[in-house]
Amino acid sequence: MKKLLWIVSLCILTYSALSQERIPVIIDADTGNEVDDLYALSRALIEPSWDILALNATHWQTAHWAIPQTMENSHRLNQVLTAELNTPVLLRRGGLARMFDWGDLAQHSAAAYEIIKQVKLLPEGQKLTIVALGALTNVGSALYIEPSIASKIELYWLGTSYDFDKGIQKQVDFNCMMDIRALDIVLNSSVDVHIIPVNVAGAMTFSYEETVEAFDESSTLQNFLLERWYKHLDGGRKERTIWDLALIQAIIHPEYAEEVKITTSKDHGNREVYYYRSIDAEKMKAEFFKTLNDYLKQMDKD
């Protein structure tokens, strides 16, 4: 009996130690917007070093080609993808559109309040990693509602463009334009910010032919990803930029990317943020396909 109790105690301690080593993460994604989101999320959701506390849906309602209820479309796709991967993750709906212009600026959503909740549950000295793949509405709203959480957030985001030679930042890319107010709130907060600009993430290109060949064997997930490629509103492309995967891989594999510290302009916070200056896109692609293929093979065995 004593031996059994000792074994149970050891298992509990081992599990506790492993849980503490995993990084608490919330992912914020406009999954329905482009093809790249599903590829990036497929890699993120199976990362063993991440404890994914929630997957939040983000809108792209401001886009000229937006469909009705963009956030709901992202939320639905998040449901489909987590089912395909057999990764039960808490799914939260985000704001329906960008933050407001006056009065209460926040989009009060389950996603924004989940961010606030998870930050407050963290032990002293620990930070919540938020990986944002689209508009910063949910993050900006959470900070607006509860500014005190800023110092306990480490944000990784795809957005802006940056000329490293001239030190010029531009905010005219898609993710910025979907909610420029939320970006302003983030940059003028004390959140630790890591950004991969679109001119760097743009190196992550996939051809349709190589994508088909790189998948080891047919599966419902692989068919789903390939169908998304061809049936999206701009379907038929032979090559695509898989923007979001560049950020996911840079976080998981910092050795695949070069990160530098810059100081933003006065109107953008006049603060230090980290920018990814370059990535090894070929290593990132190879790792993506190998990891996903290995995971799907293990799923078949189980």
C-alpha atoms as a PDB file:
ATOM      1  CA  MET A   1       0.000   0.000   0.000  1.00  0.00           C
ATOM      2  CA  LYS A   2       2.819   2.386   0.904  1.00  0.00           C
ATOM      3  CA  LYS A   3       4.540   1.563  -2.380  1.00  0.00           C
ATOM      4  CA  LEU A   4       1.334   2.307  -4.294  1.00  0.00           C
ATOM      5  CA  LEU A   5       0.930   5.643  -2.525  1.00  0.00           C
ATOM      6  CA  TRP A   6       4.557   6.479  -3.301  1.00  0.00           C
ATOM      7  CA  ILE A   7       4.025   5.727  -7.004  1.00  0.00           C
ATOM      8  CA  VAL A   8       0.836   7.827  -7.118  1.00  0.00           C
ATOM      9  CA  SER A   9       2.608  10.710  -5.374  1.00  0.00           C
ATOM     10  CA  LEU A  10       5.510  10.482  -7.797  1.00  0.00           C
ATOM     11  CA  CYS A  11       3.144  10.563 -10.771  1.00  0.00           C
ATOM     12  CA  ILE A  12       1.376  13.620  -9.389  1.00  0.00           C
ATOM     13  CA  LEU A  13       4.668  15.418  -8.794  1.00  0.00           C
ATOM     14  CA  THR A  14       5.926  14.502 -12.261  1.00  0.00           C
ATOM     15  CA  TYR A  15       2.706  15.721 -13.884  1.00  0.00           C
ATOM     16  CA  SER A  16       2.848  18.933 -11.862  1.00  0.00           C
ATOM     17  CA  ALA A  17       6.457  19.566 -12.907  1.00  0.00           C
ATOM     18  CA  LEU A  18       5.645  18.957 -16.582  1.00  0.00           C
ATOM     19  CA  SER A  19       2.612  21.237 -16.398  1.00  0.00           C
ATOM     20  CA  GLN A  20       4.704  24.025 -14.899  1.00  0.00           C
ATOM     21  CA  GLU A  21       7.230  23.734 -17.718  1.00  0.00           C
ATOM     22  CA  ARG A  22       4.587  24.224 -20.385  1.00  0.00           C
ATOM     23  CA  ILE A  23       4.043  27.813 -21.511  1.00  0.00           C
ATOM     24  CA  PRO A  24       0.528  29.188 -20.861  1.00  0.00           C
ATOM     25  CA  VAL A  25      -0.743  30.413 -24.236  1.00  0.00           C
ATOM     26  CA  ILE A  26      -3.873  32.013 -25.668  1.00  0.00           C
ATOM     27  CA  ILE A  27      -4.131  32.125 -29.467  1.00  0.00           C
ATOM     28  CA  ASP A  28      -6.150  34.852 -31.169  1.00  0.00           C
ATOM     29  CA  ALA A  29      -6.916  34.050 -34.813  1.00  0.00           C
ATOM     30  CA  ASP A  30      -8.967  35.392 -37.726  1.00  0.00           C
ATOM     31  CA  THR A  31      -9.122  31.809 -38.972  1.00  0.00           C
ATOM     32  CA  GLY A  32     -11.690  32.404 -41.687  1.00  0.00           C
ATOM     33  CA  ASN A  33      -9.820  35.265 -43.311  1.00  0.00           C
ATOM     34  CA  GLU A  34      -7.114  33.517 -45.337  1.00  0.00           C
ATOM     35  CA  VAL A  35      -5.707  30.070 -46.023  1.00  0.00           C
ATOM     36  CA  ASP A  36      -2.607  30.457 -43.846  1.00  0.00           C
ATOM     37  CA  ASP A  37      -4.434  30.536 -40.490  1.00  0.00           C
ATOM     38  CA  LEU A  38      -5.448  26.873 -40.589  1.00  0.00           C
ATOM     39  CA  TYR A  39      -1.893  25.788 -41.421  1.00  0.00           C
ATOM     40  CA  ALA A  40      -0.441  27.895 -38.611  1.00  0.00           C
ATOM     41  CA  LEU A  41      -3.031  26.714 -36.092  1.00  0.00           C
ATOM     42  CA  SER A  42      -2.460  23.089 -37.071  1.00  0.00           C
ATOM     43  CA  ARG A  43       1.152  23.487 -35.974  1.00  0.00           C
ATOM     44  CA  ALA A  44       0.379  25.539 -32.871  1.00  0.00           C
ATOM     45  CA  LEU A  45      -2.316  23.237 -31.498  1.00  0.00           C
ATOM     46  CA  ILE A  46      -0.019  20.197 -31.444  1.00  0.00           C
ATOM     47  CA  GLU A  47       2.981  21.930 -29.858  1.00  0.00           C
ATOM     48  CA  PRO A  48       3.764  19.925 -26.674  1.00  0.00           C
ATOM     49  CA  SER A  49       5.551  22.788 -24.906  1.00  0.00           C
ATOM     50  CA  TRP A  50       2.435  25.000 -25.049  1.00  0.00           C
ATOM     51  CA  ASP A  51      -0.452  24.827 -22.614  1.00  0.00           C
ATOM     52  CA  ILE A  52      -3.122  26.378 -24.823  1.00  0.00           C
ATOM     53  CA  LEU A  53      -5.689  27.872 -22.479  1.00  0.00           C
ATOM     54  CA  ALA A  54      -8.005  29.168 -25.202  1.00  0.00           C
ATOM     55  CA  LEU A  55      -8.322  29.691 -28.933  1.00  0.00           C
ATOM     56  CA  ASN A  56     -10.095  32.991 -29.570  1.00  0.00           C
ATOM     57  CA  ALA A  57     -11.892  33.892 -32.775  1.00  0.00           C
ATOM     58  CA  THR A  58     -11.080  37.273 -34.310  1.00  0.00           C
ATOM     59  CA  HIS A  59     -13.059  39.289 -36.869  1.00  0.00           C
ATOM     60  CA  TRP A  60     -11.912  40.864 -40.125  1.00  0.00           C
ATOM     61  CA  GLN A  61     -15.159  42.777 -40.534  1.00  0.00           C
ATOM     62  CA  THR A  62     -13.501  45.942 -41.804  1.00  0.00           C
ATOM     63  CA  ALA A  63     -12.060  44.238 -44.896  1.00  0.00           C
ATOM     64  CA  HIS A  64     -13.533  45.165 -48.257  1.00  0.00           C
ATOM     65  CA  TRP A  65     -14.058  41.474 -49.050  1.00  0.00           C
ATOM     66  CA  ALA A  66     -15.441  40.558 -45.629  1.00  0.00           C
ATOM     67  CA  ILE A  67     -18.275  38.057 -45.517  1.00  0.00           C
ATOM     68  CA  PRO A  68     -21.146  38.529 -43.037  1.00  0.00           C
ATOM     69  CA  GLN A  69     -20.201  37.652 -39.442  1.00  0.00           C
ATOM     70  CA  THR A  70     -16.489  37.138 -39.962  1.00  0.00           C
ATOM     71  CA  MET A  71     -15.805  36.362 -36.311  1.00  0.00           C
ATOM     72  CA  GLU A  72     -18.446  33.619 -36.333  1.00  0.00           C
ATOM     73  CA  ASN A  73     -16.853  32.180 -39.449  1.00  0.00           C
ATOM     74  CA  SER A  74     -13.487  32.046 -37.641  1.00  0.00           C
ATOM     75  CA  HIS A  75     -15.119  30.470 -34.579  1.00  0.00           C
ATOM     76  CA  ARG A  76     -16.748  27.766 -36.717  1.00  0.00           C
ATOM     77  CA  LEU A  77     -13.470  26.908 -38.431  1.00  0.00           C
ATOM     78  CA  ASN A  78     -11.744  26.746 -35.036  1.00  0.00           C
ATOM     79  CA  GLN A  79     -14.340  24.135 -34.023  1.00  0.00           C
ATOM     80  CA  VAL A  80     -13.712  22.099 -37.168  1.00  0.00           C
ATOM     81  CA  LEU A  81      -9.928  22.232 -36.891  1.00  0.00           C
ATOM     82  CA  THR A  82      -9.724  21.263 -33.214  1.00  0.00           C
ATOM     83  CA  ALA A  83     -12.023  18.329 -33.964  1.00  0.00           C
ATOM     84  CA  GLU A  84      -9.847  17.219 -36.883  1.00  0.00           C
ATOM     85  CA  LEU A  85      -6.727  17.364 -34.704  1.00  0.00           C
ATOM     86  CA  ASN A  86      -8.469  15.856 -31.676  1.00  0.00           C
ATOM     87  CA  THR A  87      -7.183  18.746 -29.558  1.00  0.00           C
ATOM     88  CA  PRO A  88      -9.905  19.750 -27.101  1.00  0.00           C
ATOM     89  CA  VAL A  89      -9.243  23.445 -26.507  1.00  0.00           C
ATOM     90  CA  LEU A  90     -11.484  26.103 -24.984  1.00  0.00           C
ATOM     91  CA  LEU A  91     -12.939  28.134 -27.874  1.00  0.00           C
ATOM     92  CA  ARG A  92     -14.043  31.726 -27.302  1.00  0.00           C
ATOM     93  CA  ARG A  93     -15.880  34.190 -29.503  1.00  0.00           C
ATOM     94  CA  GLY A  94     -14.166  37.558 -29.940  1.00  0.00           C
ATOM     95  CA  GLY A  95     -15.395  41.026 -30.868  1.00  0.00           C
ATOM     96  CA  LEU A  96     -17.759  41.320 -33.831  1.00  0.00           C
ATOM     97  CA  ALA A  97     -15.827  44.238 -35.337  1.00  0.00           C
ATOM     98  CA  ARG A  98     -13.065  46.725 -34.504  1.00  0.00           C
ATOM     99  CA  MET A  99     -13.031  48.703 -31.262  1.00  0.00           C
ATOM    100  CA  PHE A 100     -15.376  51.663 -30.985  1.00  0.00           C
ATOM    101  CA  ASP A 101     -14.504  55.315 -31.707  1.00  0.00           C
ATOM    102  CA  TRP A 102     -15.952  56.962 -28.604  1.00  0.00           C
ATOM    103  CA  GLY A 103     -17.478  56.177 -25.218  1.00  0.00           C
ATOM    104  CA  ASP A 104     -16.708  52.628 -24.109  1.00  0.00           C
ATOM    105  CA  LEU A 105     -14.141  51.681 -26.739  1.00  0.00           C
ATOM    106  CA  ALA A 106     -13.989  47.975 -25.889  1.00  0.00           C
ATOM    107  CA  GLN A 107     -15.577  45.103 -27.747  1.00  0.00           C
ATOM    108  CA  HIS A 108     -16.895  43.201 -24.731  1.00  0.00           C
ATOM    109  CA  SER A 109     -16.499  39.573 -25.745  1.00  0.00           C
ATOM    110  CA  ALA A 110     -15.881  36.170 -24.220  1.00  0.00           C
ATOM    111  CA  ALA A 111     -12.383  36.292 -25.742  1.00  0.00           C
ATOM    112  CA  ALA A 112     -11.461  39.611 -24.111  1.00  0.00           C
ATOM    113  CA  TYR A 113     -12.704  38.460 -20.705  1.00  0.00           C
ATOM    114  CA  GLU A 114     -10.932  35.107 -21.095  1.00  0.00           C
ATOM    115  CA  ILE A 115      -7.650  36.983 -21.538  1.00  0.00           C
ATOM    116  CA  ILE A 116      -8.338  38.989 -18.372  1.00  0.00           C
ATOM    117  CA  LYS A 117      -9.350  35.872 -16.446  1.00  0.00           C
ATOM    118  CA  GLN A 118      -6.306  33.819 -17.438  1.00  0.00           C
ATOM    119  CA  VAL A 119      -3.880  36.628 -16.654  1.00  0.00           C
ATOM    120  CA  LYS A 120      -5.346  36.999 -13.179  1.00  0.00           C
ATOM    121  CA  LEU A 121      -5.057  33.254 -12.559  1.00  0.00           C
ATOM    122  CA  LEU A 122      -1.321  33.226 -13.262  1.00  0.00           C
ATOM    123  CA  PRO A 123       1.114  32.719 -10.373  1.00  0.00           C
ATOM    124  CA  GLU A 124       3.184  35.729  -9.366  1.00  0.00           C
ATOM    125  CA  GLY A 125       6.077  36.307 -11.725  1.00  0.00           C
ATOM    126  CA  GLN A 126       4.565  34.371 -14.647  1.00  0.00           C
ATOM    127  CA  LYS A 127       3.301  35.904 -17.888  1.00  0.00           C
ATOM    128  CA  LEU A 128       0.599  34.867 -20.304  1.00  0.00           C
ATOM    129  CA  THR A 129       1.777  34.421 -23.876  1.00  0.00           C
ATOM    130  CA  ILE A 130      -0.762  35.695 -26.394  1.00  0.00           C
ATOM    131  CA  VAL A 131      -0.210  34.774 -30.050  1.00  0.00           C
ATOM    132  CA  ALA A 132      -2.273  37.117 -32.227  1.00  0.00           C
ATOM    133  CA  LEU A 133      -2.650  36.250 -35.915  1.00  0.00           C
ATOM    134  CA  GLY A 134      -5.121  38.945 -36.909  1.00  0.00           C
ATOM    135  CA  ALA A 135      -6.654  42.180 -35.668  1.00  0.00           C
ATOM    136  CA  LEU A 136      -5.728  43.078 -32.086  1.00  0.00           C
ATOM    137  CA  THR A 137      -9.335  43.787 -31.098  1.00  0.00           C
ATOM    138  CA  ASN A 138      -9.595  41.134 -28.383  1.00  0.00           C
ATOM    139  CA  VAL A 139      -6.227  42.027 -26.868  1.00  0.00           C
ATOM    140  CA  GLY A 140      -6.830  45.785 -27.074  1.00  0.00           C
ATOM    141  CA  SER A 141     -10.288  45.398 -25.529  1.00  0.00           C
ATOM    142  CA  ALA A 142      -8.916  43.325 -22.647  1.00  0.00           C
ATOM    143  CA  LEU A 143      -6.288  45.992 -21.958  1.00  0.00           C
ATOM    144  CA  TYR A 144      -8.880  48.763 -22.160  1.00  0.00           C
ATOM    145  CA  ILE A 145     -11.221  46.968 -19.747  1.00  0.00           C
ATOM    146  CA  GLU A 146      -8.462  45.954 -17.304  1.00  0.00           C
ATOM    147  CA  PRO A 147      -5.235  47.989 -17.855  1.00  0.00           C
ATOM    148  CA  SER A 148      -3.530  46.353 -14.857  1.00  0.00           C
ATOM    149  CA  ILE A 149      -3.018  43.088 -16.780  1.00  0.00           C
ATOM    150  CA  ALA A 150      -0.558  44.646 -19.243  1.00  0.00           C
ATOM    151  CA  SER A 151       2.589  43.860 -17.252  1.00  0.00           C
ATOM    152  CA  LYS A 152       1.681  40.148 -17.196  1.00  0.00           C
ATOM    153  CA  ILE A 153       1.262  39.705 -20.969  1.00  0.00           C
ATOM    154  CA  GLU A 154       3.830  38.753 -23.579  1.00  0.00           C
ATOM    155  CA  LEU A 155       2.313  39.394 -26.986  1.00  0.00           C
ATOM    156  CA  TYR A 156       3.491  37.897 -30.291  1.00  0.00           C
ATOM    157  CA  TRP A 157       1.800  39.416 -33.326  1.00  0.00           C
ATOM    158  CA  LEU A 158       1.933  39.418 -37.112  1.00  0.00           C
ATOM    159  CA  GLY A 159       1.531  42.975 -38.354  1.00  0.00           C
ATOM    160  CA  THR A 160       3.067  46.224 -39.658  1.00  0.00           C
ATOM    161  CA  SER A 161       5.966  46.403 -42.092  1.00  0.00           C
ATOM    162  CA  TYR A 162       9.431  47.548 -41.068  1.00  0.00           C
ATOM    163  CA  ASP A 163      12.388  48.906 -43.020  1.00  0.00           C
ATOM    164  CA  PHE A 164      15.337  47.826 -40.881  1.00  0.00           C
ATOM    165  CA  ASP A 165      17.853  49.900 -42.852  1.00  0.00           C
ATOM    166  CA  LYS A 166      15.931  53.162 -42.505  1.00  0.00           C
ATOM    167  CA  GLY A 167      14.160  52.417 -39.219  1.00  0.00           C
ATOM    168  CA  ILE A 168      10.713  53.118 -40.691  1.00  0.00           C
ATOM    169  CA  GLN A 169       7.574  51.363 -39.460  1.00  0.00           C
ATOM    170  CA  LYS A 170       4.389  51.356 -41.560  1.00  0.00           C
ATOM    171  CA  GLN A 171       0.914  50.429 -40.346  1.00  0.00           C
ATOM    172  CA  VAL A 172      -0.990  49.982 -43.596  1.00  0.00           C
ATOM    173  CA  ASP A 173      -1.064  46.170 -43.735  1.00  0.00           C
ATOM    174  CA  PHE A 174      -4.224  44.098 -43.281  1.00  0.00           C
ATOM    175  CA  ASN A 175      -3.906  43.266 -39.572  1.00  0.00           C
ATOM    176  CA  CYS A 176      -3.195  46.884 -38.646  1.00  0.00           C
ATOM    177  CA  MET A 177      -6.053  48.276 -40.682  1.00  0.00           C
ATOM    178  CA  MET A 178      -8.582  45.857 -39.213  1.00  0.00           C
ATOM    179  CA  ASP A 179      -8.238  47.654 -35.855  1.00  0.00           C
ATOM    180  CA  ILE A 180      -5.771  50.526 -35.709  1.00  0.00           C
ATOM    181  CA  ARG A 181      -7.165  51.683 -32.355  1.00  0.00           C
ATOM    182  CA  ALA A 182      -6.430  48.327 -30.725  1.00  0.00           C
ATOM    183  CA  LEU A 183      -2.858  48.536 -32.034  1.00  0.00           C
ATOM    184  CA  ASP A 184      -2.505  52.023 -30.554  1.00  0.00           C
ATOM    185  CA  ILE A 185      -3.682  50.740 -27.167  1.00  0.00           C
ATOM    186  CA  VAL A 186      -1.195  47.854 -27.284  1.00  0.00           C
ATOM    187  CA  LEU A 187       1.767  50.023 -28.293  1.00  0.00           C
ATOM    188  CA  ASN A 188       0.984  52.533 -25.571  1.00  0.00           C
ATOM    189  CA  SER A 189       0.800  49.851 -22.867  1.00  0.00           C
ATOM    190  CA  SER A 190       3.485  48.010 -20.905  1.00  0.00           C
ATOM    191  CA  VAL A 191       2.814  44.700 -22.677  1.00  0.00           C
ATOM    192  CA  ASP A 192       5.967  42.912 -23.845  1.00  0.00           C
ATOM    193  CA  VAL A 193       5.561  43.044 -27.635  1.00  0.00           C
ATOM    194  CA  HIS A 194       7.184  40.811 -30.259  1.00  0.00           C
ATOM    195  CA  ILE A 195       6.256  41.544 -33.880  1.00  0.00           C
ATOM    196  CA  ILE A 196       6.937  39.757 -37.129  1.00  0.00           C
ATOM    197  CA  PRO A 197       6.352  42.324 -39.896  1.00  0.00           C
ATOM    198  CA  VAL A 198       4.651  41.261 -43.098  1.00  0.00           C
ATOM    199  CA  ASN A 199       7.756  41.965 -45.186  1.00  0.00           C
ATOM    200  CA  VAL A 200       9.611  39.313 -43.147  1.00  0.00           C
ATOM    201  CA  ALA A 201       6.764  36.785 -42.839  1.00  0.00           C
ATOM    202  CA  GLY A 202       6.364  37.051 -46.601  1.00  0.00           C
ATOM    203  CA  ALA A 203       9.319  34.697 -47.032  1.00  0.00           C
ATOM    204  CA  MET A 204       7.076  31.806 -45.936  1.00  0.00           C
ATOM    205  CA  THR A 205       5.717  30.676 -49.300  1.00  0.00           C
ATOM    206  CA  PHE A 206       4.222  27.294 -50.184  1.00  0.00           C
ATOM    207  CA  SER A 207       3.463  25.987 -53.649  1.00  0.00           C
ATOM    208  CA  TYR A 208       0.387  23.830 -54.031  1.00  0.00           C
ATOM    209  CA  GLU A 209       2.441  21.071 -55.638  1.00  0.00           C
ATOM    210  CA  GLU A 210       5.003  20.895 -52.830  1.00  0.00           C
ATOM    211  CA  THR A 211       2.239  21.014 -50.231  1.00  0.00           C
ATOM    212  CA  VAL A 212       0.465  18.013 -51.761  1.00  0.00           C
ATOM    213  CA  GLU A 213       3.747  16.093 -52.020  1.00  0.00           C
ATOM    214  CA  ALA A 214       4.912  16.974 -48.495  1.00  0.00           C
ATOM    215  CA  PHE A 215       1.926  15.312 -46.831  1.00  0.00           C
ATOM    216  CA  ASP A 216       2.874  11.662 -46.279  1.00  0.00           C
ATOM    217  CA  GLU A 217      -0.551  10.187 -46.794  1.00  0.00           C
ATOM    218  CA  SER A 218      -4.139  11.213 -47.166  1.00  0.00           C
ATOM    219  CA  SER A 219      -6.084  12.102 -44.022  1.00  0.00           C
ATOM    220  CA  THR A 220      -9.207  14.106 -43.321  1.00  0.00           C
ATOM    221  CA  LEU A 221      -7.072  16.942 -41.925  1.00  0.00           C
ATOM    222  CA  GLN A 222      -4.765  17.049 -44.927  1.00  0.00           C
ATOM    223  CA  ASN A 223      -7.753  16.946 -47.269  1.00  0.00           C
ATOM    224  CA  PHE A 224      -9.329  19.752 -45.246  1.00  0.00           C
ATOM    225  CA  LEU A 225      -6.196  21.933 -45.529  1.00  0.00           C
ATOM    226  CA  LEU A 226      -5.859  21.303 -49.260  1.00  0.00           C
ATOM    227  CA  GLU A 227      -9.555  21.940 -49.841  1.00  0.00           C
ATOM    228  CA  ARG A 228      -9.218  25.236 -47.960  1.00  0.00           C
ATOM    229  CA  TRP A 229      -6.367  26.187 -50.304  1.00  0.00           C
ATOM    230  CA  TYR A 230      -8.426  25.629 -53.429  1.00  0.00           C
ATOM    231  CA  LYS A 231     -11.927  26.627 -52.311  1.00  0.00           C
ATOM    232  CA  HIS A 232     -11.097  29.889 -50.524  1.00  0.00           C
ATOM    233  CA  LEU A 233     -12.441  33.032 -52.204  1.00  0.00           C
ATOM    234  CA  ASP A 234      -9.133  33.464 -54.046  1.00  0.00           C
ATOM    235  CA  GLY A 235      -8.819  29.753 -54.815  1.00  0.00           C
ATOM    236  CA  GLY A 236      -6.782  28.375 -57.682  1.00  0.00           C
ATOM    237  CA  ARG A 237      -3.456  29.902 -56.688  1.00  0.00           C
ATOM    238  CA  LYS A 238      -0.411  27.764 -57.400  1.00  0.00           C
ATOM    239  CA  GLU A 239       1.567  29.502 -54.647  1.00  0.00           C
ATOM    240  CA  ARG A 240       0.550  31.110 -51.355  1.00  0.00           C
ATOM    241  CA  THR A 241       2.195  33.040 -48.553  1.00  0.00           C
ATOM    242  CA  ILE A 242       1.541  31.194 -45.294  1.00  0.00           C
ATOM    243  CA  TRP A 243       2.101  34.309 -43.186  1.00  0.00           C
ATOM    244  CA  ASP A 244       0.897  33.130 -39.790  1.00  0.00           C
ATOM    245  CA  LEU A 245       3.004  29.980 -39.779  1.00  0.00           C
ATOM    246  CA  ALA A 246       6.130  32.151 -39.843  1.00  0.00           C
ATOM    247  CA  LEU A 247       5.183  33.644 -36.479  1.00  0.00           C
ATOM    248  CA  ILE A 248       4.230  30.309 -34.907  1.00  0.00           C
ATOM    249  CA  GLN A 249       7.523  28.734 -35.964  1.00  0.00           C
ATOM    250  CA  ALA A 250       9.575  31.746 -34.843  1.00  0.00           C
ATOM    251  CA  ILE A 251       8.121  31.388 -31.338  1.00  0.00           C
ATOM    252  CA  ILE A 252       8.508  27.606 -31.132  1.00  0.00           C
ATOM    253  CA  HIS A 253      11.926  27.608 -32.802  1.00  0.00           C
ATOM    254  CA  PRO A 254      13.735  30.872 -31.999  1.00  0.00           C
ATOM    255  CA  GLU A 255      16.828  29.387 -33.652  1.00  0.00           C
ATOM    256  CA  TYR A 256      14.992  29.714 -36.985  1.00  0.00           C
ATOM    257  CA  ALA A 257      14.627  33.495 -36.651  1.00  0.00           C
ATOM    258  CA  GLU A 258      16.615  36.632 -35.851  1.00  0.00           C
ATOM    259  CA  GLU A 259      14.973  39.021 -33.405  1.00  0.00           C
ATOM    260  CA  VAL A 260      16.139  42.567 -32.704  1.00  0.00           C
ATOM    261  CA  LYS A 261      15.044  45.306 -30.336  1.00  0.00           C
ATOM    262  CA  ILE A 262      13.817  48.616 -31.729  1.00  0.00           C
ATOM    263  CA  THR A 263      12.340  51.800 -30.267  1.00  0.00           C
ATOM    264  CA  THR A 264       9.045  52.899 -31.750  1.00  0.00           C
ATOM    265  CA  SER A 265       8.328  56.489 -32.762  1.00  0.00           C
ATOM    266  CA  LYS A 266       6.717  58.904 -30.298  1.00  0.00           C
ATOM    267  CA  ASP A 267       3.298  58.544 -31.897  1.00  0.00           C
ATOM    268  CA  HIS A 268       3.601  54.751 -31.655  1.00  0.00           C
ATOM    269  CA  GLY A 269       4.453  54.608 -27.978  1.00  0.00           C
ATOM    270  CA  ASN A 270       8.129  55.635 -27.964  1.00  0.00           C
ATOM    271  CA  ARG A 271       8.956  52.286 -26.400  1.00  0.00           C
ATOM    272  CA  GLU A 272      11.107  49.217 -26.916  1.00  0.00           C
ATOM    273  CA  VAL A 273       9.580  46.310 -28.805  1.00  0.00           C
ATOM    274  CA  TYR A 274      11.087  43.236 -30.428  1.00  0.00           C
ATOM    275  CA  TYR A 275      10.973  42.723 -34.183  1.00  0.00           C
ATOM    276  CA  TYR A 276      11.777  39.606 -36.168  1.00  0.00           C
ATOM    277  CA  ARG A 277      14.301  40.749 -38.730  1.00  0.00           C
ATOM    278  CA  SER A 278      14.630  37.510 -40.703  1.00  0.00           C
ATOM    279  CA  ILE A 279      13.485  33.882 -40.734  1.00  0.00           C
ATOM    280  CA  ASP A 280      14.770  30.599 -42.138  1.00  0.00           C
ATOM    281  CA  ALA A 281      11.630  29.777 -44.086  1.00  0.00           C
ATOM    282  CA  GLU A 282      12.940  26.494 -45.501  1.00  0.00           C
ATOM    283  CA  LYS A 283      13.673  25.043 -42.066  1.00  0.00           C
ATOM    284  CA  MET A 284      10.313  26.245 -40.818  1.00  0.00           C
ATOM    285  CA  LYS A 285       8.504  24.559 -43.705  1.00  0.00           C
ATOM    286  CA  ALA A 286      10.380  21.289 -43.318  1.00  0.00           C
ATOM    287  CA  GLU A 287       9.688  21.202 -39.583  1.00  0.00           C
ATOM    288  CA  PHE A 288       6.004  21.964 -40.140  1.00  0.00           C
ATOM    289  CA  PHE A 289       5.409  19.072 -42.516  1.00  0.00           C
ATOM    290  CA  LYS A 290       7.459  16.582 -40.483  1.00  0.00           C
ATOM    291  CA  THR A 291       5.790  17.481 -37.191  1.00  0.00           C
ATOM    292  CA  LEU A 292       2.280  17.418 -38.639  1.00  0.00           C
ATOM    293  CA  ASN A 293       2.865  14.139 -40.484  1.00  0.00           C
ATOM    294  CA  ASP A 294       4.294  12.509 -37.347  1.00  0.00           C
ATOM    295  CA  TYR A 295       1.334  13.713 -35.299  1.00  0.00           C
ATOM    296  CA  LEU A 296      -1.213  12.367 -37.782  1.00  0.00           C
ATOM    297  CA  LYS A 297       0.556   8.987 -37.928  1.00  0.00           C
ATOM    298  CA  GLN A 298       0.427   8.783 -34.134  1.00  0.00           C
ATOM    299  CA  MET A 299      -3.280   9.665 -34.226  1.00  0.00           C
ATOM    300  CA  ASP A 300      -3.889   6.735 -36.573  1.00  0.00           C
ATOM    301  CA  LYS A 301      -2.062   4.377 -34.191  1.00  0.00           C
ATOM    302  CA  ASP A 302      -4.026   5.600 -31.198  1.00  0.00           C
END
